Amino acid sequence: MPDYHDDLRLAHVLADAADAATMDRFKALDLKVETKPDMTPVSEADKAAEELIRGHLHRARPRDAILGEEYGVEGSGPRRWVIDPIDGT
């Protein structure tokens, strides 16, 4: 059976990094929010969080695939990380 301890540790690092990058935008009055083609909102914090997480994953797990809400699929490795930004829009 696979040991996912390292994956869980990395997921916690990614969550902490996204938290640090987005918490100052939480309830900000000047938060920029756009409407995507499917009519759902996306904020600058959503995009920043996904970009940050993708950057960390590229360095830590260059062979893994990434599926993100804002930037789609990247890579084709057998392991896929799914990113759905966390700022609540």
N, C-alpha and C. Protein backbone atom coordinates (compact mmCIF):
# COMPACT_ATOMS: atom_id res chain seq x y z
N MET A 1 0.85 -1.18 0.00
CA MET A 1 0.00 0.00 0.00
C MET A 1 0.90 1.25 0.00
N PRO A 2 0.57 2.23 -0.83
CA PRO A 2 1.39 3.44 -0.89
C PRO A 2 1.36 4.21 0.43
N ASP A 3 2.48 4.86 0.73
CA ASP A 3 2.58 5.71 1.90
C ASP A 3 2.41 7.16 1.45
N TYR A 4 1.35 7.79 1.91
CA TYR A 4 1.04 9.15 1.48
C TYR A 4 1.51 10.20 2.48
N HIS A 5 2.37 9.83 3.41
CA HIS A 5 2.83 10.75 4.43
C HIS A 5 3.50 11.98 3.82
N ASP A 6 4.38 11.78 2.84
CA ASP A 6 5.05 12.92 2.19
C ASP A 6 4.06 13.78 1.41
N ASP A 7 3.06 13.16 0.79
CA ASP A 7 2.04 13.92 0.07
C ASP A 7 1.24 14.79 1.03
N LEU A 8 0.87 14.23 2.16
CA LEU A 8 0.10 14.99 3.14
C LEU A 8 0.93 16.15 3.69
N ARG A 9 2.19 15.89 3.95
CA ARG A 9 3.07 16.96 4.43
C ARG A 9 3.16 18.08 3.40
N LEU A 10 3.33 17.73 2.13
CA LEU A 10 3.39 18.73 1.07
C LEU A 10 2.05 19.48 0.96
N ALA A 11 0.94 18.77 1.06
CA ALA A 11 -0.37 19.43 1.00
C ALA A 11 -0.51 20.46 2.12
N HIS A 12 -0.01 20.15 3.30
CA HIS A 12 -0.05 21.12 4.41
C HIS A 12 0.83 22.33 4.11
N VAL A 13 1.99 22.11 3.53
CA VAL A 13 2.87 23.22 3.15
C VAL A 13 2.17 24.10 2.12
N LEU A 14 1.54 23.48 1.13
CA LEU A 14 0.83 24.23 0.09
C LEU A 14 -0.32 25.03 0.69
N ALA A 15 -1.08 24.42 1.59
CA ALA A 15 -2.20 25.11 2.23
C ALA A 15 -1.71 26.30 3.05
N ASP A 16 -0.62 26.11 3.80
CA ASP A 16 -0.07 27.21 4.60
C ASP A 16 0.41 28.35 3.71
N ALA A 17 1.04 28.01 2.60
CA ALA A 17 1.54 29.05 1.68
C ALA A 17 0.37 29.81 1.06
N ALA A 18 -0.67 29.11 0.65
CA ALA A 18 -1.84 29.77 0.07
C ALA A 18 -2.53 30.63 1.12
N ASP A 19 -2.60 30.14 2.33
CA ASP A 19 -3.20 30.91 3.43
C ASP A 19 -2.44 32.21 3.64
N ALA A 20 -1.13 32.12 3.70
CA ALA A 20 -0.31 33.32 3.92
C ALA A 20 -0.48 34.32 2.78
N ALA A 21 -0.66 33.82 1.57
CA ALA A 21 -0.77 34.70 0.41
C ALA A 21 -2.16 35.32 0.27
N THR A 22 -3.18 34.71 0.84
CA THR A 22 -4.54 35.19 0.60
C THR A 22 -5.23 35.81 1.80
N MET A 23 -4.78 35.55 2.99
CA MET A 23 -5.50 36.05 4.17
C MET A 23 -5.60 37.56 4.22
N ASP A 24 -4.61 38.27 3.70
CA ASP A 24 -4.71 39.73 3.72
C ASP A 24 -5.79 40.24 2.77
N ARG A 25 -6.25 39.38 1.87
CA ARG A 25 -7.31 39.77 0.93
C ARG A 25 -8.70 39.40 1.46
N PHE A 26 -8.76 38.62 2.52
CA PHE A 26 -10.04 38.18 3.08
C PHE A 26 -10.85 39.39 3.54
N LYS A 27 -12.03 39.55 3.00
CA LYS A 27 -12.94 40.66 3.29
C LYS A 27 -12.37 42.03 2.91
N ALA A 28 -11.40 42.06 2.01
CA ALA A 28 -10.85 43.33 1.55
C ALA A 28 -11.90 44.08 0.73
N LEU A 29 -11.99 45.35 0.95
CA LEU A 29 -12.96 46.16 0.22
C LEU A 29 -12.55 46.40 -1.22
N ASP A 30 -11.26 46.28 -1.50
CA ASP A 30 -10.76 46.54 -2.86
C ASP A 30 -10.41 45.26 -3.62
N LEU A 31 -10.92 44.11 -3.18
CA LEU A 31 -10.65 42.84 -3.84
C LEU A 31 -11.20 42.88 -5.26
N LYS A 32 -10.34 42.57 -6.22
CA LYS A 32 -10.76 42.57 -7.62
C LYS A 32 -11.37 41.20 -7.96
N VAL A 33 -12.60 41.23 -8.44
CA VAL A 33 -13.31 40.01 -8.81
C VAL A 33 -13.79 40.15 -10.25
N GLU A 34 -13.49 39.13 -11.05
CA GLU A 34 -13.93 39.09 -12.45
C GLU A 34 -14.98 38.00 -12.60
N THR A 35 -15.67 38.02 -13.72
CA THR A 35 -16.63 36.96 -14.03
C THR A 35 -16.05 36.10 -15.14
N LYS A 36 -15.99 34.78 -14.89
CA LYS A 36 -15.48 33.84 -15.88
C LYS A 36 -16.55 33.59 -16.94
N PRO A 37 -16.17 32.97 -18.06
CA PRO A 37 -17.15 32.68 -19.12
C PRO A 37 -18.37 31.88 -18.64
N ASP A 38 -18.18 31.06 -17.61
CA ASP A 38 -19.32 30.29 -17.09
C ASP A 38 -20.15 31.08 -16.07
N MET A 39 -19.85 32.38 -15.97
CA MET A 39 -20.58 33.32 -15.11
C MET A 39 -20.31 33.13 -13.62
N THR A 40 -19.24 32.42 -13.27
CA THR A 40 -18.85 32.30 -11.87
C THR A 40 -17.75 33.31 -11.58
N PRO A 41 -17.65 33.75 -10.32
CA PRO A 41 -16.64 34.75 -9.99
C PRO A 41 -15.26 34.14 -9.81
N VAL A 42 -14.24 34.94 -10.07
CA VAL A 42 -12.86 34.58 -9.78
C VAL A 42 -12.17 35.85 -9.30
N SER A 43 -11.50 35.74 -8.18
CA SER A 43 -10.83 36.91 -7.61
C SER A 43 -9.33 36.85 -7.89
N GLU A 44 -8.70 38.00 -7.68
CA GLU A 44 -7.25 38.05 -7.80
C GLU A 44 -6.60 37.10 -6.80
N ALA A 45 -7.24 36.92 -5.65
CA ALA A 45 -6.70 36.00 -4.64
C ALA A 45 -6.80 34.55 -5.11
N ASP A 46 -7.90 34.19 -5.80
CA ASP A 46 -8.02 32.84 -6.37
C ASP A 46 -6.85 32.55 -7.31
N LYS A 47 -6.63 33.48 -8.23
CA LYS A 47 -5.57 33.29 -9.22
C LYS A 47 -4.19 33.24 -8.57
N ALA A 48 -3.95 34.14 -7.61
CA ALA A 48 -2.66 34.17 -6.94
C ALA A 48 -2.40 32.88 -6.17
N ALA A 49 -3.44 32.37 -5.49
CA ALA A 49 -3.29 31.13 -4.73
C ALA A 49 -2.96 29.97 -5.65
N GLU A 50 -3.67 29.88 -6.77
CA GLU A 50 -3.40 28.77 -7.69
C GLU A 50 -2.00 28.89 -8.30
N GLU A 51 -1.60 30.08 -8.69
CA GLU A 51 -0.26 30.27 -9.25
C GLU A 51 0.81 29.89 -8.23
N LEU A 52 0.62 30.29 -6.98
CA LEU A 52 1.58 29.97 -5.93
C LEU A 52 1.68 28.46 -5.72
N ILE A 53 0.52 27.80 -5.63
CA ILE A 53 0.51 26.35 -5.42
C ILE A 53 1.14 25.63 -6.60
N ARG A 54 0.83 26.06 -7.81
CA ARG A 54 1.44 25.45 -8.99
C ARG A 54 2.96 25.61 -8.96
N GLY A 55 3.44 26.77 -8.59
CA GLY A 55 4.88 26.99 -8.51
C GLY A 55 5.55 26.05 -7.53
N HIS A 56 4.94 25.90 -6.35
CA HIS A 56 5.49 24.97 -5.35
C HIS A 56 5.49 23.54 -5.89
N LEU A 57 4.39 23.15 -6.53
CA LEU A 57 4.30 21.78 -7.06
C LEU A 57 5.32 21.54 -8.17
N HIS A 58 5.53 22.51 -9.03
CA HIS A 58 6.53 22.35 -10.10
C HIS A 58 7.91 22.07 -9.51
N ARG A 59 8.23 22.74 -8.42
CA ARG A 59 9.54 22.53 -7.79
C ARG A 59 9.60 21.22 -7.01
N ALA A 60 8.55 20.92 -6.26
CA ALA A 60 8.56 19.75 -5.39
C ALA A 60 8.24 18.44 -6.12
N ARG A 61 7.35 18.50 -7.11
CA ARG A 61 6.88 17.30 -7.81
C ARG A 61 6.78 17.56 -9.30
N PRO A 62 7.90 17.76 -9.98
CA PRO A 62 7.86 18.13 -11.39
C PRO A 62 7.20 17.11 -12.31
N ARG A 63 7.10 15.86 -11.89
CA ARG A 63 6.49 14.83 -12.74
C ARG A 63 4.98 14.70 -12.54
N ASP A 64 4.46 15.35 -11.51
CA ASP A 64 3.03 15.22 -11.21
C ASP A 64 2.20 16.13 -12.11
N ALA A 65 0.99 15.70 -12.42
CA ALA A 65 0.04 16.52 -13.17
C ALA A 65 -0.70 17.44 -12.20
N ILE A 66 -1.22 18.53 -12.74
CA ILE A 66 -1.97 19.49 -11.93
C ILE A 66 -3.27 19.82 -12.65
N LEU A 67 -4.36 19.80 -11.93
CA LEU A 67 -5.65 20.26 -12.43
C LEU A 67 -6.10 21.39 -11.51
N GLY A 68 -6.22 22.59 -12.07
CA GLY A 68 -6.63 23.73 -11.27
C GLY A 68 -7.88 24.37 -11.81
N GLU A 69 -8.68 24.93 -10.92
CA GLU A 69 -9.94 25.57 -11.32
C GLU A 69 -9.71 26.73 -12.27
N GLU A 70 -8.65 27.50 -12.04
CA GLU A 70 -8.45 28.71 -12.83
C GLU A 70 -7.60 28.50 -14.08
N TYR A 71 -6.65 27.57 -14.05
CA TYR A 71 -5.71 27.42 -15.16
C TYR A 71 -5.71 26.05 -15.81
N GLY A 72 -6.67 25.19 -15.47
CA GLY A 72 -6.83 23.93 -16.17
C GLY A 72 -5.80 22.87 -15.85
N VAL A 73 -5.64 21.94 -16.80
CA VAL A 73 -4.76 20.78 -16.64
C VAL A 73 -3.38 21.07 -17.19
N GLU A 74 -2.39 20.56 -16.48
CA GLU A 74 -1.00 20.69 -16.90
C GLU A 74 -0.28 19.41 -16.52
N GLY A 75 0.48 18.87 -17.44
CA GLY A 75 1.22 17.65 -17.17
C GLY A 75 0.37 16.41 -17.39
N SER A 76 1.06 15.26 -17.38
CA SER A 76 0.35 14.00 -17.64
C SER A 76 0.85 12.87 -16.76
N GLY A 77 1.46 13.20 -15.65
CA GLY A 77 1.97 12.17 -14.76
C GLY A 77 0.84 11.35 -14.15
N PRO A 78 1.17 10.19 -13.60
CA PRO A 78 0.14 9.33 -13.02
C PRO A 78 -0.48 9.92 -11.75
N ARG A 79 0.23 10.83 -11.10
CA ARG A 79 -0.31 11.48 -9.91
C ARG A 79 -0.80 12.86 -10.31
N ARG A 80 -2.01 13.24 -9.86
CA ARG A 80 -2.58 14.54 -10.22
C ARG A 80 -3.03 15.27 -8.95
N TRP A 81 -2.57 16.50 -8.83
CA TRP A 81 -2.99 17.39 -7.74
C TRP A 81 -4.15 18.23 -8.26
N VAL A 82 -5.20 18.36 -7.47
CA VAL A 82 -6.37 19.15 -7.85
C VAL A 82 -6.40 20.40 -6.97
N ILE A 83 -6.44 21.56 -7.63
CA ILE A 83 -6.39 22.84 -6.92
C ILE A 83 -7.71 23.58 -7.14
N ASP A 84 -8.35 23.94 -6.05
CA ASP A 84 -9.54 24.79 -6.08
C ASP A 84 -9.28 25.91 -5.08
N PRO A 85 -8.93 27.10 -5.55
CA PRO A 85 -8.55 28.17 -4.64
C PRO A 85 -9.55 28.38 -3.50
N ILE A 86 -9.04 28.98 -2.44
CA ILE A 86 -9.71 28.88 -1.15
C ILE A 86 -10.31 30.15 -0.61
N ASP A 87 -10.37 31.22 -1.38
CA ASP A 87 -10.80 32.47 -0.76
C ASP A 87 -12.30 32.67 -0.70
N GLY A 88 -13.06 31.73 -1.19
CA GLY A 88 -14.50 31.74 -0.94
C GLY A 88 -15.36 32.46 -1.96
N THR A 89 -14.82 32.78 -3.14
CA THR A 89 -15.67 33.45 -4.13
C THR A 89 -16.46 32.44 -4.93
